[in-house]
PDB file of N, CA and C in Angstrom:
ATOM      1  N   MET A   1     -11.277   8.135 -29.437  1.00  0.00           N
ATOM      2  CA  MET A   1     -10.182   7.274 -28.537  1.00  0.00           C
ATOM      3  C   MET A   1      -9.898   7.596 -27.277  1.00  0.00           C
ATOM      4  N   THR A   2     -10.203   6.479 -26.400  1.00  0.00           N
ATOM      5  CA  THR A   2     -10.080   7.117 -24.860  1.00  0.00           C
ATOM      6  C   THR A   2      -8.623   6.986 -24.534  1.00  0.00           C
ATOM      7  N   LYS A   3      -8.374   7.786 -23.554  1.00  0.00           N
ATOM      8  CA  LYS A   3      -6.973   7.706 -23.144  1.00  0.00           C
ATOM      9  C   LYS A   3      -7.111   6.962 -21.833  1.00  0.00           C
ATOM     10  N   GLN A   4      -5.936   5.989 -21.749  1.00  0.00           N
ATOM     11  CA  GLN A   4      -6.039   5.271 -20.479  1.00  0.00           C
ATOM     12  C   GLN A   4      -5.408   6.215 -19.261  1.00  0.00           C
ATOM     13  N   PRO A   5      -5.962   5.950 -18.112  1.00  0.00           N
ATOM     14  CA  PRO A   5      -5.376   6.569 -16.959  1.00  0.00           C
ATOM     15  C   PRO A   5      -4.044   6.407 -16.682  1.00  0.00           C
ATOM     16  N   SER A   6      -3.319   7.399 -16.218  1.00  0.00           N
ATOM     17  CA  SER A   6      -1.815   7.035 -15.723  1.00  0.00           C
ATOM     18  C   SER A   6      -1.734   6.423 -14.535  1.00  0.00           C
ATOM     19  N   LEU A   7      -0.444   5.879 -14.518  1.00  0.00           N
ATOM     20  CA  LEU A   7      -0.149   5.086 -12.915  1.00  0.00           C
ATOM     21  C   LEU A   7      -0.746   5.913 -11.806  1.00  0.00           C
ATOM     22  N   ASP A   8      -0.360   7.242 -11.974  1.00  0.00           N
ATOM     23  CA  ASP A   8      -0.684   8.183 -10.620  1.00  0.00           C
ATOM     24  C   ASP A   8      -2.149   8.273 -10.596  1.00  0.00           C
ATOM     25  N   GLN A   9      -2.696   8.407 -11.744  1.00  0.00           N
ATOM     26  CA  GLN A   9      -4.406   8.504 -11.738  1.00  0.00           C
ATOM     27  C   GLN A   9      -4.909   7.170 -11.224  1.00  0.00           C
ATOM     28  N   LYS A  10      -4.394   6.163 -11.447  1.00  0.00           N
ATOM     29  CA  LYS A  10      -4.743   4.595 -10.919  1.00  0.00           C
ATOM     30  C   LYS A  10      -4.295   4.515  -9.363  1.00  0.00           C
ATOM     31  N   ARG A  11      -3.402   5.070  -8.947  1.00  0.00           N
ATOM     32  CA  ARG A  11      -3.003   5.205  -7.558  1.00  0.00           C
ATOM     33  C   ARG A  11      -4.082   5.940  -6.777  1.00  0.00           C
ATOM     34  N   ALA A  12      -4.339   7.296  -7.464  1.00  0.00           N
ATOM     35  CA  ALA A  12      -5.097   7.816  -6.686  1.00  0.00           C
ATOM     36  C   ALA A  12      -6.754   7.580  -6.681  1.00  0.00           C
ATOM     37  N   ALA A  13      -7.264   6.933  -7.637  1.00  0.00           N
ATOM     38  CA  ALA A  13      -8.479   6.244  -7.502  1.00  0.00           C
ATOM     39  C   ALA A  13      -8.582   5.090  -6.498  1.00  0.00           C
ATOM     40  N   TYR A  14      -7.275   4.258  -6.659  1.00  0.00           N
ATOM     41  CA  TYR A  14      -7.313   3.065  -5.744  1.00  0.00           C
ATOM     42  C   TYR A  14      -7.396   3.684  -4.194  1.00  0.00           C
ATOM     43  N   ALA A  15      -6.664   4.782  -4.046  1.00  0.00           N
ATOM     44  CA  ALA A  15      -6.474   5.378  -2.566  1.00  0.00           C
ATOM     45  C   ALA A  15      -7.853   5.826  -2.275  1.00  0.00           C
ATOM     46  N   TRP A  16      -8.572   6.779  -3.004  1.00  0.00           N
ATOM     47  CA  TRP A  16      -9.654   7.154  -2.888  1.00  0.00           C
ATOM     48  C   TRP A  16     -10.823   6.175  -2.364  1.00  0.00           C
ATOM     49  N   GLN A  17     -10.868   5.117  -3.396  1.00  0.00           N
ATOM     50  CA  GLN A  17     -11.589   4.075  -2.895  1.00  0.00           C
ATOM     51  C   GLN A  17     -11.349   3.328  -1.661  1.00  0.00           C
ATOM     52  N   LYS A  18     -10.090   3.273  -1.374  1.00  0.00           N
ATOM     53  CA  LYS A  18      -9.869   2.522  -0.280  1.00  0.00           C
ATOM     54  C   LYS A  18     -10.014   3.595   1.356  1.00  0.00           C
ATOM     55  N   VAL A  19      -9.976   4.587   1.148  1.00  0.00           N
ATOM     56  CA  VAL A  19     -10.028   5.654   2.303  1.00  0.00           C
ATOM     57  C   VAL A  19     -11.440   5.885   2.729  1.00  0.00           C
ATOM     58  N   GLN A  20     -12.552   5.397   1.921  1.00  0.00           N
ATOM     59  CA  GLN A  20     -14.017   5.689   2.196  1.00  0.00           C
ATOM     60  C   GLN A  20     -14.060   4.941   3.477  1.00  0.00           C
ATOM     61  N   GLY A  21     -14.776   5.713   4.260  1.00  0.00           N
ATOM     62  CA  GLY A  21     -15.335   4.920   5.467  1.00  0.00           C
ATOM     63  C   GLY A  21     -14.042   4.621   6.473  1.00  0.00           C
ATOM     64  N   GLN A  22     -12.946   5.055   6.336  1.00  0.00           N
ATOM     65  CA  GLN A  22     -11.844   4.880   7.332  1.00  0.00           C
ATOM     66  C   GLN A  22     -11.792   5.703   8.347  1.00  0.00           C
ATOM     67  N   ASN A  23     -11.413   5.519   9.786  1.00  0.00           N
ATOM     68  CA  ASN A  23     -11.475   6.518  10.676  1.00  0.00           C
ATOM     69  C   ASN A  23     -10.091   7.441  10.856  1.00  0.00           C
ATOM     70  N   ASP A  24     -10.206   7.960  11.854  1.00  0.00           N
ATOM     71  CA  ASP A  24      -8.809   9.096  11.787  1.00  0.00           C
ATOM     72  C   ASP A  24      -7.615   8.406  12.110  1.00  0.00           C
ATOM     73  N   GLU A  25      -7.649   7.159  12.675  1.00  0.00           N
ATOM     74  CA  GLU A  25      -6.843   6.425  13.138  1.00  0.00           C
ATOM     75  C   GLU A  25      -5.962   5.826  12.004  1.00  0.00           C
ATOM     76  N   TYR A  26      -6.915   5.475  11.013  1.00  0.00           N
ATOM     77  CA  TYR A  26      -6.225   4.999   9.569  1.00  0.00           C
ATOM     78  C   TYR A  26      -5.458   6.162   9.144  1.00  0.00           C
ATOM     79  N   GLY A  27      -6.052   7.485   9.222  1.00  0.00           N
ATOM     80  CA  GLY A  27      -5.273   8.509   8.608  1.00  0.00           C
ATOM     81  C   GLY A  27      -3.928   8.742   9.351  1.00  0.00           C
ATOM     82  N   LYS A  28      -4.033   8.756  10.468  1.00  0.00           N
ATOM     83  CA  LYS A  28      -2.725   8.976  11.402  1.00  0.00           C
ATOM     84  C   LYS A  28      -1.658   7.827  11.023  1.00  0.00           C
ATOM     85  N   LEU A  29      -2.214   6.651  10.891  1.00  0.00           N
ATOM     86  CA  LEU A  29      -1.153   5.541  10.616  1.00  0.00           C
ATOM     87  C   LEU A  29      -0.628   5.908   9.268  1.00  0.00           C
ATOM     88  N   ALA A  30      -1.347   6.143   8.305  1.00  0.00           N
ATOM     89  CA  ALA A  30      -1.004   6.382   6.995  1.00  0.00           C
ATOM     90  C   ALA A  30      -0.161   7.711   6.711  1.00  0.00           C
ATOM     91  N   LYS A  31       0.026   8.456   7.634  1.00  0.00           N
ATOM     92  CA  LYS A  31       0.592   9.764   7.600  1.00  0.00           C
ATOM     93  C   LYS A  31       2.050   9.200   8.066  1.00  0.00           C
ATOM     94  N   GLY A  32       2.238   8.486   9.082  1.00  0.00           N
ATOM     95  CA  GLY A  32       3.406   7.856   9.639  1.00  0.00           C
ATOM     96  C   GLY A  32       4.281   6.831   8.832  1.00  0.00           C
ATOM     97  N   ALA A  33       3.377   6.100   7.774  1.00  0.00           N
ATOM     98  CA  ALA A  33       3.759   4.839   7.180  1.00  0.00           C
ATOM     99  C   ALA A  33       5.143   5.143   6.353  1.00  0.00           C
ATOM    100  N   PRO A  34       5.072   6.154   5.808  1.00  0.00           N
ATOM    101  CA  PRO A  34       6.401   6.205   4.997  1.00  0.00           C
ATOM    102  C   PRO A  34       7.557   6.446   5.618  1.00  0.00           C
ATOM    103  N   ALA A  35       7.546   7.202   6.679  1.00  0.00           N
ATOM    104  CA  ALA A  35       8.746   7.010   7.599  1.00  0.00           C
ATOM    105  C   ALA A  35       9.217   5.864   8.140  1.00  0.00           C
ATOM    106  N   LEU A  36       8.233   4.942   8.483  1.00  0.00           N
ATOM    107  CA  LEU A  36       8.413   3.667   9.040  1.00  0.00           C
ATOM    108  C   LEU A  36       8.995   2.840   7.961  1.00  0.00           C
ATOM    109  N   ILE A  37       8.662   2.998   6.640  1.00  0.00           N
ATOM    110  CA  ILE A  37       9.158   2.147   5.739  1.00  0.00           C
ATOM    111  C   ILE A  37      10.612   2.543   5.304  1.00  0.00           C
ATOM    112  N   MET A  38      10.704   3.840   5.546  1.00  0.00           N
ATOM    113  CA  MET A  38      12.040   4.460   5.237  1.00  0.00           C
ATOM    114  C   MET A  38      13.087   3.940   6.167  1.00  0.00           C
ATOM    115  N   ASN A  39      12.855   4.089   7.419  1.00  0.00           N
ATOM    116  CA  ASN A  39      13.641   3.866   8.599  1.00  0.00           C
ATOM    117  C   ASN A  39      13.725   2.239   8.701  1.00  0.00           C
ATOM    118  N   ASN A  40      12.863   1.270   8.406  1.00  0.00           N
ATOM    119  CA  ASN A  40      12.924   0.073   8.817  1.00  0.00           C
ATOM    120  C   ASN A  40      12.915  -0.957   7.685  1.00  0.00           C
ATOM    121  N   GLY A  41      12.221  -0.502   6.524  1.00  0.00           N
ATOM    122  CA  GLY A  41      11.892  -1.245   5.550  1.00  0.00           C
ATOM    123  C   GLY A  41      10.710  -1.673   5.179  1.00  0.00           C
ATOM    124  N   LEU A  42      10.336  -2.046   3.653  1.00  0.00           N
ATOM    125  CA  LEU A  42       9.066  -2.569   3.586  1.00  0.00           C
ATOM    126  C   LEU A  42       8.397  -3.708   4.047  1.00  0.00           C
ATOM    127  N   MET A  43       9.297  -4.544   4.036  1.00  0.00           N
ATOM    128  CA  MET A  43       8.841  -6.018   4.659  1.00  0.00           C
ATOM    129  C   MET A  43       8.708  -6.034   6.399  1.00  0.00           C
ATOM    130  N   GLN A  44       9.452  -5.184   6.788  1.00  0.00           N
ATOM    131  CA  GLN A  44       9.355  -4.827   8.480  1.00  0.00           C
ATOM    132  C   GLN A  44       8.134  -4.347   8.674  1.00  0.00           C
ATOM    133  N   THR A  45       7.961  -3.256   7.624  1.00  0.00           N
ATOM    134  CA  THR A  45       6.732  -2.421   8.031  1.00  0.00           C
ATOM    135  C   THR A  45       5.412  -3.217   7.943  1.00  0.00           C
ATOM    136  N   LEU A  46       5.535  -3.933   6.943  1.00  0.00           N
ATOM    137  CA  LEU A  46       4.320  -5.089   6.671  1.00  0.00           C
ATOM    138  C   LEU A  46       4.045  -5.844   7.964  1.00  0.00           C
ATOM    139  N   ALA A  47       5.260  -6.507   8.445  1.00  0.00           N
ATOM    140  CA  ALA A  47       5.303  -7.434   9.418  1.00  0.00           C
ATOM    141  C   ALA A  47       4.626  -6.679  10.748  1.00  0.00           C
ATOM    142  N   PHE A  48       5.133  -5.523  10.775  1.00  0.00           N
ATOM    143  CA  PHE A  48       4.702  -4.606  12.022  1.00  0.00           C
ATOM    144  C   PHE A  48       3.320  -4.439  11.993  1.00  0.00           C
ATOM    145  N   TYR A  49       2.832  -4.098  11.064  1.00  0.00           N
ATOM    146  CA  TYR A  49       1.371  -3.730  10.852  1.00  0.00           C
ATOM    147  C   TYR A  49       0.627  -5.071  11.130  1.00  0.00           C
ATOM    148  N   GLN A  50       0.931  -6.328  10.460  1.00  0.00           N
ATOM    149  CA  GLN A  50       0.376  -7.296  10.561  1.00  0.00           C
ATOM    150  C   GLN A  50       0.200  -7.749  12.125  1.00  0.00           C
ATOM    151  N   ASP A  51       1.277  -7.617  12.693  1.00  0.00           N
ATOM    152  CA  ASP A  51       1.528  -7.867  14.271  1.00  0.00           C
ATOM    153  C   ASP A  51       0.403  -7.421  15.111  1.00  0.00           C
ATOM    154  N   LYS A  52       0.274  -6.045  14.672  1.00  0.00           N
ATOM    155  CA  LYS A  52      -0.611  -5.145  15.645  1.00  0.00           C
ATOM    156  C   LYS A  52      -2.075  -5.473  15.609  1.00  0.00           C
ATOM    157  N   GLY A  53      -2.526  -5.946  14.470  1.00  0.00           N
ATOM    158  CA  GLY A  53      -3.872  -6.505  14.293  1.00  0.00           C
ATOM    159  C   GLY A  53      -4.904  -5.606  14.660  1.00  0.00           C
ATOM    160  N   LYS A  54      -4.725  -4.400  15.034  1.00  0.00           N
ATOM    161  CA  LYS A  54      -5.773  -3.474  15.039  1.00  0.00           C
ATOM    162  C   LYS A  54      -6.608  -3.118  13.844  1.00  0.00           C
ATOM    163  N   PRO A  55      -7.830  -2.867  13.833  1.00  0.00           N
ATOM    164  CA  PRO A  55      -8.570  -2.623  12.555  1.00  0.00           C
ATOM    165  C   PRO A  55      -7.703  -1.799  11.405  1.00  0.00           C
ATOM    166  N   HIS A  56      -7.563  -0.731  11.795  1.00  0.00           N
ATOM    167  CA  HIS A  56      -6.758   0.346  10.983  1.00  0.00           C
ATOM    168  C   HIS A  56      -5.541  -0.079  10.545  1.00  0.00           C
ATOM    169  N   HIS A  57      -4.621  -0.825  11.406  1.00  0.00           N
ATOM    170  CA  HIS A  57      -3.373  -1.494  10.824  1.00  0.00           C
ATOM    171  C   HIS A  57      -3.783  -2.525   9.761  1.00  0.00           C
ATOM    172  N   LYS A  58      -4.811  -3.323  10.111  1.00  0.00           N
ATOM    173  CA  LYS A  58      -5.118  -4.365   9.181  1.00  0.00           C
ATOM    174  C   LYS A  58      -5.380  -3.684   8.019  1.00  0.00           C
ATOM    175  N   ALA A  59      -6.280  -2.807   7.889  1.00  0.00           N
ATOM    176  CA  ALA A  59      -6.836  -2.284   6.714  1.00  0.00           C
ATOM    177  C   ALA A  59      -5.710  -1.447   5.771  1.00  0.00           C
ATOM    178  N   LEU A  60      -4.838  -0.852   6.363  1.00  0.00           N
ATOM    179  CA  LEU A  60      -3.792  -0.031   5.705  1.00  0.00           C
ATOM    180  C   LEU A  60      -2.794  -1.279   5.201  1.00  0.00           C
ATOM    181  N   ASN A  61      -2.420  -2.217   6.045  1.00  0.00           N
ATOM    182  CA  ASN A  61      -1.738  -3.271   5.300  1.00  0.00           C
ATOM    183  C   ASN A  61      -2.278  -4.012   4.079  1.00  0.00           C
ATOM    184  N   GLU A  62      -3.486  -4.432   4.242  1.00  0.00           N
ATOM    185  CA  GLU A  62      -4.005  -4.873   3.089  1.00  0.00           C
ATOM    186  C   GLU A  62      -4.185  -3.979   1.967  1.00  0.00           C
ATOM    187  N   HIS A  63      -4.363  -2.642   2.067  1.00  0.00           N
ATOM    188  CA  HIS A  63      -4.412  -1.884   0.957  1.00  0.00           C
ATOM    189  C   HIS A  63      -3.136  -1.757   0.320  1.00  0.00           C
ATOM    190  N   MET A  64      -2.151  -1.795   1.128  1.00  0.00           N
ATOM    191  CA  MET A  64      -0.594  -2.012   0.642  1.00  0.00           C
ATOM    192  C   MET A  64      -0.396  -2.904  -0.338  1.00  0.00           C
ATOM    193  N   ILE A  65      -0.611  -4.193   0.430  1.00  0.00           N
ATOM    194  CA  ILE A  65      -0.298  -5.383  -0.186  1.00  0.00           C
ATOM    195  C   ILE A  65      -1.116  -5.754  -1.400  1.00  0.00           C
ATOM    196  N   ASP A  66      -2.295  -5.308  -1.454  1.00  0.00           N
ATOM    197  CA  ASP A  66      -3.329  -5.745  -2.601  1.00  0.00           C
ATOM    198  C   ASP A  66      -2.836  -4.540  -3.757  1.00  0.00           C
ATOM    199  N   TRP A  67      -2.406  -3.501  -3.384  1.00  0.00           N
ATOM    200  CA  TRP A  67      -2.029  -2.469  -4.320  1.00  0.00           C
ATOM    201  C   TRP A  67      -0.785  -3.195  -5.088  1.00  0.00           C
ATOM    202  N   LEU A  68       0.364  -3.535  -4.419  1.00  0.00           N
ATOM    203  CA  LEU A  68       1.608  -4.002  -4.921  1.00  0.00           C
ATOM    204  C   LEU A  68       1.164  -5.337  -5.616  1.00  0.00           C
ATOM    205  N   ALA A  69       0.121  -6.158  -5.112  1.00  0.00           N
ATOM    206  CA  ALA A  69      -0.258  -7.511  -6.059  1.00  0.00           C
ATOM    207  C   ALA A  69      -0.762  -7.063  -7.249  1.00  0.00           C
ATOM    208  N   ALA A  70      -1.563  -6.042  -7.405  1.00  0.00           N
ATOM    209  CA  ALA A  70      -2.189  -5.541  -8.513  1.00  0.00           C
ATOM    210  C   ALA A  70      -0.926  -4.894  -9.398  1.00  0.00           C
ATOM    211  N   TYR A  71      -0.270  -4.211  -8.858  1.00  0.00           N
ATOM    212  CA  TYR A  71       0.682  -3.659  -9.631  1.00  0.00           C
ATOM    213  C   TYR A  71       1.759  -4.600 -10.316  1.00  0.00           C
ATOM    214  N   PHE A  72       1.972  -5.447  -9.782  1.00  0.00           N
ATOM    215  CA  PHE A  72       3.211  -6.473 -10.151  1.00  0.00           C
ATOM    216  C   PHE A  72       2.515  -7.457 -11.138  1.00  0.00           C
ATOM    217  N   THR A  73       1.123  -7.755 -11.066  1.00  0.00           N
ATOM    218  CA  THR A  73       0.428  -8.693 -11.909  1.00  0.00           C
ATOM    219  C   THR A  73      -0.279  -8.057 -13.183  1.00  0.00           C
ATOM    220  N   HIS A  74      -0.146  -6.562 -13.113  1.00  0.00           N
ATOM    221  CA  HIS A  74      -0.911  -5.725 -14.129  1.00  0.00           C
ATOM    222  C   HIS A  74      -2.668  -6.360 -14.301  1.00  0.00           C
ATOM    223  N   GLN A  75      -3.160  -6.640 -13.091  1.00  0.00           N
ATOM    224  CA  GLN A  75      -4.627  -6.807 -12.919  1.00  0.00           C
ATOM    225  C   GLN A  75      -5.283  -6.055 -11.874  1.00  0.00           C
ATOM    226  N   ASP A  76      -6.259  -5.735 -12.257  1.00  0.00           N
ATOM    227  CA  ASP A  76      -7.252  -4.882 -11.080  1.00  0.00           C
ATOM    228  C   ASP A  76      -7.728  -5.992 -10.179  1.00  0.00           C
ATOM    229  N   ASN A  77      -8.053  -5.323  -8.968  1.00  0.00           N
ATOM    230  CA  ASN A  77      -8.676  -5.762  -7.742  1.00  0.00           C
ATOM    231  C   ASN A  77      -8.116  -7.120  -7.494  1.00  0.00           C
ATOM    232  N   VAL A  78      -6.881  -7.306  -7.268  1.00  0.00           N
ATOM    233  CA  VAL A  78      -6.248  -8.443  -7.030  1.00  0.00           C
ATOM    234  C   VAL A  78      -5.877  -8.370  -5.579  1.00  0.00           C
ATOM    235  N   SER A  79      -6.417  -9.528  -4.753  1.00  0.00           N
ATOM    236  CA  SER A  79      -6.286  -9.579  -3.400  1.00  0.00           C
ATOM    237  C   SER A  79      -5.179 -10.644  -3.168  1.00  0.00           C
ATOM    238  N   MET A  80      -4.258 -10.541  -2.122  1.00  0.00           N
ATOM    239  CA  MET A  80      -3.356 -11.502  -1.884  1.00  0.00           C
ATOM    240  C   MET A  80      -3.054 -11.331  -0.336  1.00  0.00           C
ATOM    241  N   PRO A  81      -2.745 -12.624   0.124  1.00  0.00           N
ATOM    242  CA  PRO A  81      -2.720 -12.611   1.764  1.00  0.00           C
ATOM    243  C   PRO A  81      -1.507 -12.349   2.071  1.00  0.00           C
ATOM    244  N   PHE A  82      -1.193 -11.909   3.385  1.00  0.00           N
ATOM    245  CA  PHE A  82       0.044 -11.464   3.897  1.00  0.00           C
ATOM    246  C   PHE A  82       1.314 -12.247   3.700  1.00  0.00           C
ATOM    247  N   ASP A  83       0.872 -13.479   3.823  1.00  0.00           N
ATOM    248  CA  ASP A  83       2.094 -14.504   3.710  1.00  0.00           C
ATOM    249  C   ASP A  83       2.685 -14.660   2.370  1.00  0.00           C
ATOM    250  N   LYS A  84       1.801 -14.719   1.340  1.00  0.00           N
ATOM    251  CA  LYS A  84       2.081 -14.745   0.109  1.00  0.00           C
ATOM    252  C   LYS A  84       2.868 -13.528  -0.452  1.00  0.00           C
ATOM    253  N   MET A  85       2.584 -12.307  -0.079  1.00  0.00           N
ATOM    254  CA  MET A  85       3.084 -11.002  -0.405  1.00  0.00           C
ATOM    255  C   MET A  85       4.581 -11.029   0.276  1.00  0.00           C
ATOM    256  N   MET A  86       4.724 -11.553   1.557  1.00  0.00           N
ATOM    257  CA  MET A  86       6.062 -11.785   2.150  1.00  0.00           C
ATOM    258  C   MET A  86       6.951 -12.640   1.587  1.00  0.00           C
ATOM    259  N   GLU A  87       6.659 -13.739   0.816  1.00  0.00           N
ATOM    260  CA  GLU A  87       7.138 -14.775   0.198  1.00  0.00           C
ATOM    261  C   GLU A  87       7.559 -14.298  -1.022  1.00  0.00           C
ATOM    262  N   ALA A  88       6.734 -13.352  -1.751  1.00  0.00           N
ATOM    263  CA  ALA A  88       7.087 -12.832  -3.043  1.00  0.00           C
ATOM    264  C   ALA A  88       8.274 -11.895  -2.844  1.00  0.00           C
ATOM    265  N   LEU A  89       8.136 -11.010  -1.755  1.00  0.00           N
ATOM    266  CA  LEU A  89       9.399 -10.128  -1.497  1.00  0.00           C
ATOM    267  C   LEU A  89      10.543 -10.689  -1.163  1.00  0.00           C
ATOM    268  N   LEU A  90      10.326 -11.753  -0.535  1.00  0.00           N
ATOM    269  CA  LEU A  90      11.650 -12.556  -0.121  1.00  0.00           C
ATOM    270  C   LEU A  90      12.187 -13.022  -1.231  1.00  0.00           C
ATOM    271  N   ARG A  91      11.700 -13.347  -2.174  1.00  0.00           N
ATOM    272  CA  ARG A  91      12.383 -13.830  -3.417  1.00  0.00           C
ATOM    273  C   ARG A  91      12.493 -12.892  -4.421  1.00  0.00           C
ATOM    274  N   ALA A  92      12.015 -11.500  -4.177  1.00  0.00           N
ATOM    275  CA  ALA A  92      12.253 -10.536  -5.160  1.00  0.00           C
ATOM    276  C   ALA A  92      13.872 -10.285  -5.098  1.00  0.00           C
ATOM    277  N   ASP A  93      14.270  -9.798  -6.493  1.00  0.00           N
ATOM    278  CA  ASP A  93      15.648  -9.466  -6.595  1.00  0.00           C
ATOM    279  C   ASP A  93      15.614  -8.021  -5.989  1.00  0.00           C
ATOM    280  N   SER A  94      16.943  -7.443  -5.847  1.00  0.00           N
ATOM    281  CA  SER A  94      16.938  -6.078  -5.181  1.00  0.00           C
ATOM    282  C   SER A  94      16.349  -4.984  -6.027  1.00  0.00           C
ATOM    283  N   GLN A  95      16.309  -5.280  -7.419  1.00  0.00           N
ATOM    284  CA  GLN A  95      15.720  -4.167  -8.222  1.00  0.00           C
ATOM    285  C   GLN A  95      13.980  -4.130  -7.799  1.00  0.00           C
ATOM    286  N   LYS A  96      13.525  -5.338  -8.010  1.00  0.00           N
ATOM    287  CA  LYS A  96      12.240  -5.544  -7.735  1.00  0.00           C
ATOM    288  C   LYS A  96      11.708  -5.151  -6.326  1.00  0.00           C
ATOM    289  N   TYR A  97      12.578  -5.493  -5.356  1.00  0.00           N
ATOM    290  CA  TYR A  97      12.079  -5.107  -3.893  1.00  0.00           C
ATOM    291  C   TYR A  97      12.344  -3.490  -3.886  1.00  0.00           C
ATOM    292  N   ARG A  98      13.228  -3.054  -4.448  1.00  0.00           N
ATOM    293  CA  ARG A  98      13.443  -1.267  -4.482  1.00  0.00           C
ATOM    294  C   ARG A  98      11.925  -0.805  -5.215  1.00  0.00           C
ATOM    295  N   LYS A  99      11.655  -1.448  -6.331  1.00  0.00           N
ATOM    296  CA  LYS A  99      10.563  -0.880  -7.000  1.00  0.00           C
ATOM    297  C   LYS A  99       9.188  -1.214  -6.256  1.00  0.00           C
ATOM    298  N   ALA A 100       9.116  -2.077  -5.206  1.00  0.00           N
ATOM    299  CA  ALA A 100       7.919  -2.260  -4.644  1.00  0.00           C
ATOM    300  C   ALA A 100       7.921  -1.430  -3.541  1.00  0.00           C
ATOM    301  N   THR A 101       9.047  -1.026  -3.058  1.00  0.00           N
ATOM    302  CA  THR A 101       9.070   0.150  -1.887  1.00  0.00           C
ATOM    303  C   THR A 101       8.776   1.341  -2.365  1.00  0.00           C
ATOM    304  N   GLU A 102       9.189   1.823  -3.608  1.00  0.00           N
ATOM    305  CA  GLU A 102       8.931   3.097  -4.175  1.00  0.00           C
ATOM    306  C   GLU A 102       7.301   3.096  -4.607  1.00  0.00           C
ATOM    307  N   GLU A 103       7.005   1.926  -5.109  1.00  0.00           N
ATOM    308  CA  GLU A 103       5.540   1.983  -5.539  1.00  0.00           C
ATOM    309  C   GLU A 103       4.764   2.148  -4.290  1.00  0.00           C
ATOM    310  N   THR A 104       4.996   1.532  -3.164  1.00  0.00           N
ATOM    311  CA  THR A 104       4.134   1.789  -2.047  1.00  0.00           C
ATOM    312  C   THR A 104       4.088   3.172  -1.321  1.00  0.00           C
ATOM    313  N   LEU A 105       5.352   3.737  -1.282  1.00  0.00           N
ATOM    314  CA  LEU A 105       5.411   4.988  -0.962  1.00  0.00           C
ATOM    315  C   LEU A 105       4.637   5.888  -1.862  1.00  0.00           C
ATOM    316  N   ALA A 106       4.679   5.746  -3.334  1.00  0.00           N
ATOM    317  CA  ALA A 106       3.883   6.543  -4.087  1.00  0.00           C
ATOM    318  C   ALA A 106       2.416   6.373  -3.792  1.00  0.00           C
ATOM    319  N   LEU A 107       1.920   5.151  -3.324  1.00  0.00           N
ATOM    320  CA  LEU A 107       0.585   5.020  -3.150  1.00  0.00           C
ATOM    321  C   LEU A 107       0.191   5.816  -1.823  1.00  0.00           C
ATOM    322  N   LEU A 108       1.036   5.546  -0.901  1.00  0.00           N
ATOM    323  CA  LEU A 108       0.999   6.083   0.235  1.00  0.00           C
ATOM    324  C   LEU A 108       0.897   7.705   0.281  1.00  0.00           C
ATOM    325  N   ARG A 109       1.356   8.256  -0.468  1.00  0.00           N
ATOM    326  CA  ARG A 109       1.189   9.766  -0.913  1.00  0.00           C
ATOM    327  C   ARG A 109      -0.360  10.018  -1.110  1.00  0.00           C
ATOM    328  N   TRP A 110      -0.771   9.297  -1.678  1.00  0.00           N
ATOM    329  CA  TRP A 110      -2.257   9.546  -2.051  1.00  0.00           C
ATOM    330  C   TRP A 110      -3.019   9.146  -0.962  1.00  0.00           C
ATOM    331  N   ILE A 111      -2.814   7.974  -0.255  1.00  0.00           N
ATOM    332  CA  ILE A 111      -3.620   7.662   0.710  1.00  0.00           C
ATOM    333  C   ILE A 111      -3.681   8.689   1.853  1.00  0.00           C
ATOM    334  N   ARG A 112      -2.321   9.115   2.057  1.00  0.00           N
ATOM    335  CA  ARG A 112      -2.374  10.139   3.052  1.00  0.00           C
ATOM    336  C   ARG A 112      -3.199  11.566   2.937  1.00  0.00           C
ATOM    337  N   GLN A 113      -3.096  11.949   1.617  1.00  0.00           N
ATOM    338  CA  GLN A 113      -3.744  13.113   1.130  1.00  0.00           C
ATOM    339  C   GLN A 113      -5.138  12.905   1.336  1.00  0.00           C
ATOM    340  N   LEU A 114      -5.668  11.835   0.852  1.00  0.00           N
ATOM    341  CA  LEU A 114      -7.219  11.514   0.809  1.00  0.00           C
ATOM    342  C   LEU A 114      -7.787  11.208   2.108  1.00  0.00           C
ATOM    343  N   ALA A 115      -7.091  10.415   2.888  1.00  0.00           N
ATOM    344  CA  ALA A 115      -7.488  10.202   4.193  1.00  0.00           C
ATOM    345  C   ALA A 115      -7.755  11.342   4.841  1.00  0.00           C
ATOM    346  N   ALA A 116      -6.787  12.363   4.842  1.00  0.00           N
ATOM    347  CA  ALA A 116      -6.896  13.566   5.469  1.00  0.00           C
ATOM    348  C   ALA A 116      -8.097  14.604   5.210  1.00  0.00           C
ATOM    349  N   ILE A 117      -8.800  14.296   3.733  1.00  0.00           N
ATOM    350  CA  ILE A 117      -9.982  15.050   3.635  1.00  0.00           C
ATOM    351  C   ILE A 117     -11.286  14.229   3.689  1.00  0.00           C
ATOM    352  N   ASN A 118     -11.009  12.949   3.988  1.00  0.00           N
ATOM    353  CA  ASN A 118     -12.196  11.944   4.065  1.00  0.00           C
ATOM    354  C   ASN A 118     -12.920  12.181   5.314  1.00  0.00           C
TER     355      ASN A 118
END
């Protein structure tokens, strides 16, 4: 009987896959992302990164959005456009929005750690 990976193991595997080939700017951005989310909110941070348009902003934003899409749909390798994620977060009740924020912060812990050694 094979044991299913834990959610934290899934986060780690996803983060490891996504940090491969990223530059130092991505790592620096990921390091500051949790504080930005805590101070400004998840949607505001996603909008800020979307507006920046630089490759490392775009990559981190896509990684956070796609993880949230996969997490909430319970499917692997889900991709969701920025506007669709923003609509979903706008419609979310406070409990689901808080869970999305917590899940993004948990993912970022792995991204930060793994980007630092990549």
